[in-house]
């Protein structure tokens, strides 16, 4: 079984209205990458019942030497013990990337990665990227802020 859903499966997942509240959980340092912050939350249907297996994960990886970031906003489907990516907005500010490069910003829709991001993506703030993501996957959610504040030293 693939680690992505098919386009038809993603169409079905995206078609349903979903609710999620990222403000109920905290950004955490990633167990995989020390330069990455992650926030993950489950989703509810239109009647506010849990949708089994659907989760959203927001990840921000900071490339410290270049002082740039790589954002991944992902809708996952977990089924039969497998986690599969249904939709992902992948925004990468690494210098030197050009359209057509594998790491250039793009959208994964099921197993299709040929969908381009809007032309103005480089001017987006994290809340704007999250707003776009929510619109694409039909997620009703309060805004979410960039996690910069979550890892600052406290006096």
Foldseek 3Di string as FASTA:
>chain_A
DDQFAALVVLCVQLPFAKEWEQVVWAWDQDPVDNQKIKTKTFIAGPVRHTDPFWMWMWMWGAPVVVRWIKIKIFIWGADPNHIHTQKIFIDGPDPPDDPVDPNHTFMCHTPDTPHHDDPVVVPDAVQRVVVVVCVRSNYDYDTDHDCPVVPDDDD
